[in-house]
Amino acid sequence: MIFWAVTALIGFGVAAILIATLLRAATAAEPAAAFDMRVYRDQLREVDRDLARGIIGAEDA
């Protein structure tokens, strides 16, 4: 009997953690387009930095 009680408590604990994580992620997530634009701008800054350092040529940038 104690085995099933402990198993149930562990199961409820895991379920509570998963539900809390899913609810928090749903409210804190940024829109996909905003994330894509942030990545694109970061890539452009990296290309500009590589161009300034002479790692790549103007035709590659």
PDB file of N, CA and C in Angstrom:
ATOM      1  N   MET A   1       0.812  -1.197   0.000  1.00  0.00           N
ATOM      2  CA  MET A   1       0.000   0.000   0.000  1.00  0.00           C
ATOM      3  C   MET A   1       0.859   1.266   0.000  1.00  0.00           C
ATOM      4  N   ILE A   2       1.906   1.241   0.760  1.00  0.00           N
ATOM      5  CA  ILE A   2       2.779   2.425   0.819  1.00  0.00           C
ATOM      6  C   ILE A   2       3.470   2.649  -0.529  1.00  0.00           C
ATOM      7  N   PHE A   3       3.788   1.575  -1.228  1.00  0.00           N
ATOM      8  CA  PHE A   3       4.421   1.697  -2.544  1.00  0.00           C
ATOM      9  C   PHE A   3       3.535   2.516  -3.478  1.00  0.00           C
ATOM     10  N   TRP A   4       2.232   2.215  -3.503  1.00  0.00           N
ATOM     11  CA  TRP A   4       1.325   2.911  -4.402  1.00  0.00           C
ATOM     12  C   TRP A   4       1.128   4.364  -3.986  1.00  0.00           C
ATOM     13  N   ALA A   5       1.147   4.631  -2.708  1.00  0.00           N
ATOM     14  CA  ALA A   5       1.014   6.009  -2.235  1.00  0.00           C
ATOM     15  C   ALA A   5       2.229   6.833  -2.657  1.00  0.00           C
ATOM     16  N   VAL A   6       3.418   6.268  -2.500  1.00  0.00           N
ATOM     17  CA  VAL A   6       4.643   6.970  -2.904  1.00  0.00           C
ATOM     18  C   VAL A   6       4.671   7.151  -4.416  1.00  0.00           C
ATOM     19  N   THR A   7       4.277   6.125  -5.157  1.00  0.00           N
ATOM     20  CA  THR A   7       4.237   6.207  -6.617  1.00  0.00           C
ATOM     21  C   THR A   7       3.261   7.294  -7.069  1.00  0.00           C
ATOM     22  N   ALA A   8       2.100   7.353  -6.430  1.00  0.00           N
ATOM     23  CA  ALA A   8       1.112   8.376  -6.778  1.00  0.00           C
ATOM     24  C   ALA A   8       1.639   9.772  -6.458  1.00  0.00           C
ATOM     25  N   LEU A   9       2.289   9.947  -5.327  1.00  0.00           N
ATOM     26  CA  LEU A   9       2.846  11.252  -4.970  1.00  0.00           C
ATOM     27  C   LEU A   9       3.917  11.697  -5.963  1.00  0.00           C
ATOM     28  N   ILE A  10       4.774  10.776  -6.336  1.00  0.00           N
ATOM     29  CA  ILE A  10       5.811  11.105  -7.323  1.00  0.00           C
ATOM     30  C   ILE A  10       5.167  11.470  -8.661  1.00  0.00           C
ATOM     31  N   GLY A  11       4.161  10.704  -9.070  1.00  0.00           N
ATOM     32  CA  GLY A  11       3.463  10.986 -10.324  1.00  0.00           C
ATOM     33  C   GLY A  11       2.793  12.346 -10.316  1.00  0.00           C
ATOM     34  N   PHE A  12       2.108  12.668  -9.218  1.00  0.00           N
ATOM     35  CA  PHE A  12       1.468  13.980  -9.110  1.00  0.00           C
ATOM     36  C   PHE A  12       2.505  15.101  -9.090  1.00  0.00           C
ATOM     37  N   GLY A  13       3.622  14.863  -8.453  1.00  0.00           N
ATOM     38  CA  GLY A  13       4.684  15.867  -8.419  1.00  0.00           C
ATOM     39  C   GLY A  13       5.245  16.147  -9.799  1.00  0.00           C
ATOM     40  N   VAL A  14       5.504  15.085 -10.546  1.00  0.00           N
ATOM     41  CA  VAL A  14       6.024  15.242 -11.909  1.00  0.00           C
ATOM     42  C   VAL A  14       4.993  15.943 -12.785  1.00  0.00           C
ATOM     43  N   ALA A  15       3.726  15.551 -12.661  1.00  0.00           N
ATOM     44  CA  ALA A  15       2.669  16.188 -13.452  1.00  0.00           C
ATOM     45  C   ALA A  15       2.561  17.673 -13.117  1.00  0.00           C
ATOM     46  N   ALA A  16       2.662  18.023 -11.850  1.00  0.00           N
ATOM     47  CA  ALA A  16       2.577  19.429 -11.445  1.00  0.00           C
ATOM     48  C   ALA A  16       3.731  20.236 -12.020  1.00  0.00           C
ATOM     49  N   ILE A  17       4.926  19.665 -12.003  1.00  0.00           N
ATOM     50  CA  ILE A  17       6.087  20.364 -12.563  1.00  0.00           C
ATOM     51  C   ILE A  17       5.923  20.568 -14.067  1.00  0.00           C
ATOM     52  N   LEU A  18       5.457  19.535 -14.768  1.00  0.00           N
ATOM     53  CA  LEU A  18       5.261  19.651 -16.214  1.00  0.00           C
ATOM     54  C   LEU A  18       4.190  20.682 -16.554  1.00  0.00           C
ATOM     55  N   ILE A  19       3.093  20.667 -15.837  1.00  0.00           N
ATOM     56  CA  ILE A  19       2.018  21.625 -16.105  1.00  0.00           C
ATOM     57  C   ILE A  19       2.490  23.048 -15.829  1.00  0.00           C
ATOM     58  N   ALA A  20       3.197  23.251 -14.730  1.00  0.00           N
ATOM     59  CA  ALA A  20       3.701  24.587 -14.408  1.00  0.00           C
ATOM     60  C   ALA A  20       4.665  25.078 -15.481  1.00  0.00           C
ATOM     61  N   THR A  21       5.524  24.198 -15.971  1.00  0.00           N
ATOM     62  CA  THR A  21       6.480  24.570 -17.015  1.00  0.00           C
ATOM     63  C   THR A  21       5.763  24.931 -18.311  1.00  0.00           C
ATOM     64  N   LEU A  22       4.774  24.144 -18.689  1.00  0.00           N
ATOM     65  CA  LEU A  22       4.041  24.422 -19.924  1.00  0.00           C
ATOM     66  C   LEU A  22       3.250  25.722 -19.835  1.00  0.00           C
ATOM     67  N   LEU A  23       2.646  25.991 -18.705  1.00  0.00           N
ATOM     68  CA  LEU A  23       1.885  27.231 -18.551  1.00  0.00           C
ATOM     69  C   LEU A  23       2.796  28.448 -18.559  1.00  0.00           C
ATOM     70  N   ARG A  24       3.943  28.344 -17.919  1.00  0.00           N
ATOM     71  CA  ARG A  24       4.874  29.468 -17.882  1.00  0.00           C
ATOM     72  C   ARG A  24       5.447  29.729 -19.272  1.00  0.00           C
ATOM     73  N   ALA A  25       5.753  28.679 -20.026  1.00  0.00           N
ATOM     74  CA  ALA A  25       6.323  28.843 -21.364  1.00  0.00           C
ATOM     75  C   ALA A  25       5.303  29.454 -22.319  1.00  0.00           C
ATOM     76  N   ALA A  26       4.044  29.128 -22.151  1.00  0.00           N
ATOM     77  CA  ALA A  26       3.013  29.645 -23.044  1.00  0.00           C
ATOM     78  C   ALA A  26       2.814  31.143 -22.850  1.00  0.00           C
ATOM     79  N   THR A  27       2.979  31.635 -21.646  1.00  0.00           N
ATOM     80  CA  THR A  27       2.757  33.055 -21.409  1.00  0.00           C
ATOM     81  C   THR A  27       4.004  33.891 -21.672  1.00  0.00           C
ATOM     82  N   ALA A  28       5.190  33.299 -21.600  1.00  0.00           N
ATOM     83  CA  ALA A  28       6.425  34.064 -21.721  1.00  0.00           C
ATOM     84  C   ALA A  28       7.048  33.990 -23.114  1.00  0.00           C
ATOM     85  N   ALA A  29       6.494  33.194 -23.994  1.00  0.00           N
ATOM     86  CA  ALA A  29       7.104  33.007 -25.308  1.00  0.00           C
ATOM     87  C   ALA A  29       6.893  34.247 -26.174  1.00  0.00           C
ATOM     88  N   GLU A  30       7.936  34.626 -26.916  1.00  0.00           N
ATOM     89  CA  GLU A  30       7.804  35.749 -27.832  1.00  0.00           C
ATOM     90  C   GLU A  30       7.330  35.213 -29.184  1.00  0.00           C
ATOM     91  N   PRO A  31       6.686  36.035 -29.970  1.00  0.00           N
ATOM     92  CA  PRO A  31       6.216  35.582 -31.284  1.00  0.00           C
ATOM     93  C   PRO A  31       7.385  35.105 -32.151  1.00  0.00           C
ATOM     94  N   ALA A  32       7.101  34.148 -33.002  1.00  0.00           N
ATOM     95  CA  ALA A  32       8.145  33.562 -33.842  1.00  0.00           C
ATOM     96  C   ALA A  32       8.775  34.604 -34.760  1.00  0.00           C
ATOM     97  N   ALA A  33       7.974  35.508 -35.288  1.00  0.00           N
ATOM     98  CA  ALA A  33       8.511  36.527 -36.196  1.00  0.00           C
ATOM     99  C   ALA A  33       9.490  37.448 -35.474  1.00  0.00           C
ATOM    100  N   ALA A  34       9.194  37.793 -34.241  1.00  0.00           N
ATOM    101  CA  ALA A  34      10.102  38.656 -33.476  1.00  0.00           C
ATOM    102  C   ALA A  34      11.413  37.939 -33.203  1.00  0.00           C
ATOM    103  N   PHE A  35      11.328  36.659 -32.885  1.00  0.00           N
ATOM    104  CA  PHE A  35      12.542  35.878 -32.652  1.00  0.00           C
ATOM    105  C   PHE A  35      13.364  35.783 -33.929  1.00  0.00           C
ATOM    106  N   ASP A  36      12.699  35.530 -35.056  1.00  0.00           N
ATOM    107  CA  ASP A  36      13.400  35.432 -36.334  1.00  0.00           C
ATOM    108  C   ASP A  36      14.100  36.738 -36.688  1.00  0.00           C
ATOM    109  N   MET A  37      13.438  37.866 -36.445  1.00  0.00           N
ATOM    110  CA  MET A  37      14.054  39.163 -36.730  1.00  0.00           C
ATOM    111  C   MET A  37      15.261  39.414 -35.830  1.00  0.00           C
ATOM    112  N   ARG A  38      15.175  38.994 -34.581  1.00  0.00           N
ATOM    113  CA  ARG A  38      16.308  39.177 -33.666  1.00  0.00           C
ATOM    114  C   ARG A  38      17.507  38.358 -34.140  1.00  0.00           C
ATOM    115  N   VAL A  39      17.258  37.119 -34.584  1.00  0.00           N
ATOM    116  CA  VAL A  39      18.341  36.272 -35.094  1.00  0.00           C
ATOM    117  C   VAL A  39      18.928  36.880 -36.365  1.00  0.00           C
ATOM    118  N   TYR A  40      18.072  37.366 -37.265  1.00  0.00           N
ATOM    119  CA  TYR A  40      18.534  37.957 -38.518  1.00  0.00           C
ATOM    120  C   TYR A  40      19.406  39.184 -38.266  1.00  0.00           C
ATOM    121  N   ARG A  41      18.987  40.054 -37.342  1.00  0.00           N
ATOM    122  CA  ARG A  41      19.786  41.244 -37.026  1.00  0.00           C
ATOM    123  C   ARG A  41      21.125  40.861 -36.412  1.00  0.00           C
ATOM    124  N   ASP A  42      21.116  39.840 -35.582  1.00  0.00           N
ATOM    125  CA  ASP A  42      22.366  39.376 -34.982  1.00  0.00           C
ATOM    126  C   ASP A  42      23.309  38.843 -36.055  1.00  0.00           C
ATOM    127  N   GLN A  43      22.769  38.121 -37.032  1.00  0.00           N
ATOM    128  CA  GLN A  43      23.598  37.609 -38.121  1.00  0.00           C
ATOM    129  C   GLN A  43      24.173  38.754 -38.951  1.00  0.00           C
ATOM    130  N   LEU A  44      23.375  39.779 -39.204  1.00  0.00           N
ATOM    131  CA  LEU A  44      23.883  40.933 -39.952  1.00  0.00           C
ATOM    132  C   LEU A  44      25.009  41.633 -39.199  1.00  0.00           C
ATOM    133  N   ARG A  45      24.872  41.757 -37.876  1.00  0.00           N
ATOM    134  CA  ARG A  45      25.948  42.365 -37.079  1.00  0.00           C
ATOM    135  C   ARG A  45      27.215  41.522 -37.156  1.00  0.00           C
ATOM    136  N   GLU A  46      27.064  40.199 -37.150  1.00  0.00           N
ATOM    137  CA  GLU A  46      28.241  39.332 -37.254  1.00  0.00           C
ATOM    138  C   GLU A  46      28.920  39.488 -38.609  1.00  0.00           C
ATOM    139  N   VAL A  47      28.140  39.595 -39.673  1.00  0.00           N
ATOM    140  CA  VAL A  47      28.715  39.782 -41.006  1.00  0.00           C
ATOM    141  C   VAL A  47      29.452  41.114 -41.067  1.00  0.00           C
ATOM    142  N   ASP A  48      28.841  42.179 -40.541  1.00  0.00           N
ATOM    143  CA  ASP A  48      29.505  43.488 -40.528  1.00  0.00           C
ATOM    144  C   ASP A  48      30.801  43.444 -39.725  1.00  0.00           C
ATOM    145  N   ARG A  49      30.780  42.755 -38.606  1.00  0.00           N
ATOM    146  CA  ARG A  49      31.982  42.645 -37.767  1.00  0.00           C
ATOM    147  C   ARG A  49      33.072  41.857 -38.502  1.00  0.00           C
ATOM    148  N   ASP A  50      32.698  40.762 -39.162  1.00  0.00           N
ATOM    149  CA  ASP A  50      33.685  39.984 -39.911  1.00  0.00           C
ATOM    150  C   ASP A  50      34.252  40.783 -41.079  1.00  0.00           C
ATOM    151  N   LEU A  51      33.412  41.570 -41.716  1.00  0.00           N
ATOM    152  CA  LEU A  51      33.864  42.415 -42.820  1.00  0.00           C
ATOM    153  C   LEU A  51      34.853  43.465 -42.319  1.00  0.00           C
ATOM    154  N   ALA A  52      34.555  44.076 -41.189  1.00  0.00           N
ATOM    155  CA  ALA A  52      35.444  45.095 -40.623  1.00  0.00           C
ATOM    156  C   ALA A  52      36.781  44.499 -40.189  1.00  0.00           C
ATOM    157  N   ARG A  53      36.781  43.272 -39.738  1.00  0.00           N
ATOM    158  CA  ARG A  53      38.017  42.625 -39.290  1.00  0.00           C
ATOM    159  C   ARG A  53      38.801  42.023 -40.451  1.00  0.00           C
ATOM    160  N   GLY A  54      38.222  42.008 -41.648  1.00  0.00           N
ATOM    161  CA  GLY A  54      38.920  41.477 -42.803  1.00  0.00           C
ATOM    162  C   GLY A  54      38.829  39.968 -42.937  1.00  0.00           C
ATOM    163  N   ILE A  55      37.933  39.346 -42.205  1.00  0.00           N
ATOM    164  CA  ILE A  55      37.784  37.889 -42.278  1.00  0.00           C
ATOM    165  C   ILE A  55      37.104  37.489 -43.580  1.00  0.00           C
ATOM    166  N   ILE A  56      36.149  38.309 -44.027  1.00  0.00           N
ATOM    167  CA  ILE A  56      35.472  38.044 -45.292  1.00  0.00           C
ATOM    168  C   ILE A  56      35.606  39.276 -46.175  1.00  0.00           C
ATOM    169  N   GLY A  57      35.467  39.068 -47.462  1.00  0.00           N
ATOM    170  CA  GLY A  57      35.553  40.174 -48.406  1.00  0.00           C
ATOM    171  C   GLY A  57      34.192  40.818 -48.618  1.00  0.00           C
ATOM    172  N   ALA A  58      34.199  41.971 -49.285  1.00  0.00           N
ATOM    173  CA  ALA A  58      32.953  42.704 -49.529  1.00  0.00           C
ATOM    174  C   ALA A  58      31.997  41.901 -50.404  1.00  0.00           C
ATOM    175  N   GLU A  59      32.538  41.132 -51.342  1.00  0.00           N
ATOM    176  CA  GLU A  59      31.661  40.344 -52.220  1.00  0.00           C
ATOM    177  C   GLU A  59      30.999  39.184 -51.473  1.00  0.00           C
ATOM    178  N   ASP A  60      31.625  38.720 -50.401  1.00  0.00           N
ATOM    179  CA  ASP A  60      31.026  37.646 -49.606  1.00  0.00           C
ATOM    180  C   ASP A  60      29.978  38.180 -48.633  1.00  0.00           C
ATOM    181  N   ALA A  61      30.135  39.426 -48.256  1.00  0.00           N
ATOM    182  CA  ALA A  61      29.193  40.009 -47.298  1.00  0.00           C
ATOM    183  C   ALA A  61      27.919  40.374 -48.024  1.00  0.00           C
TER     184      ALA A  61
END
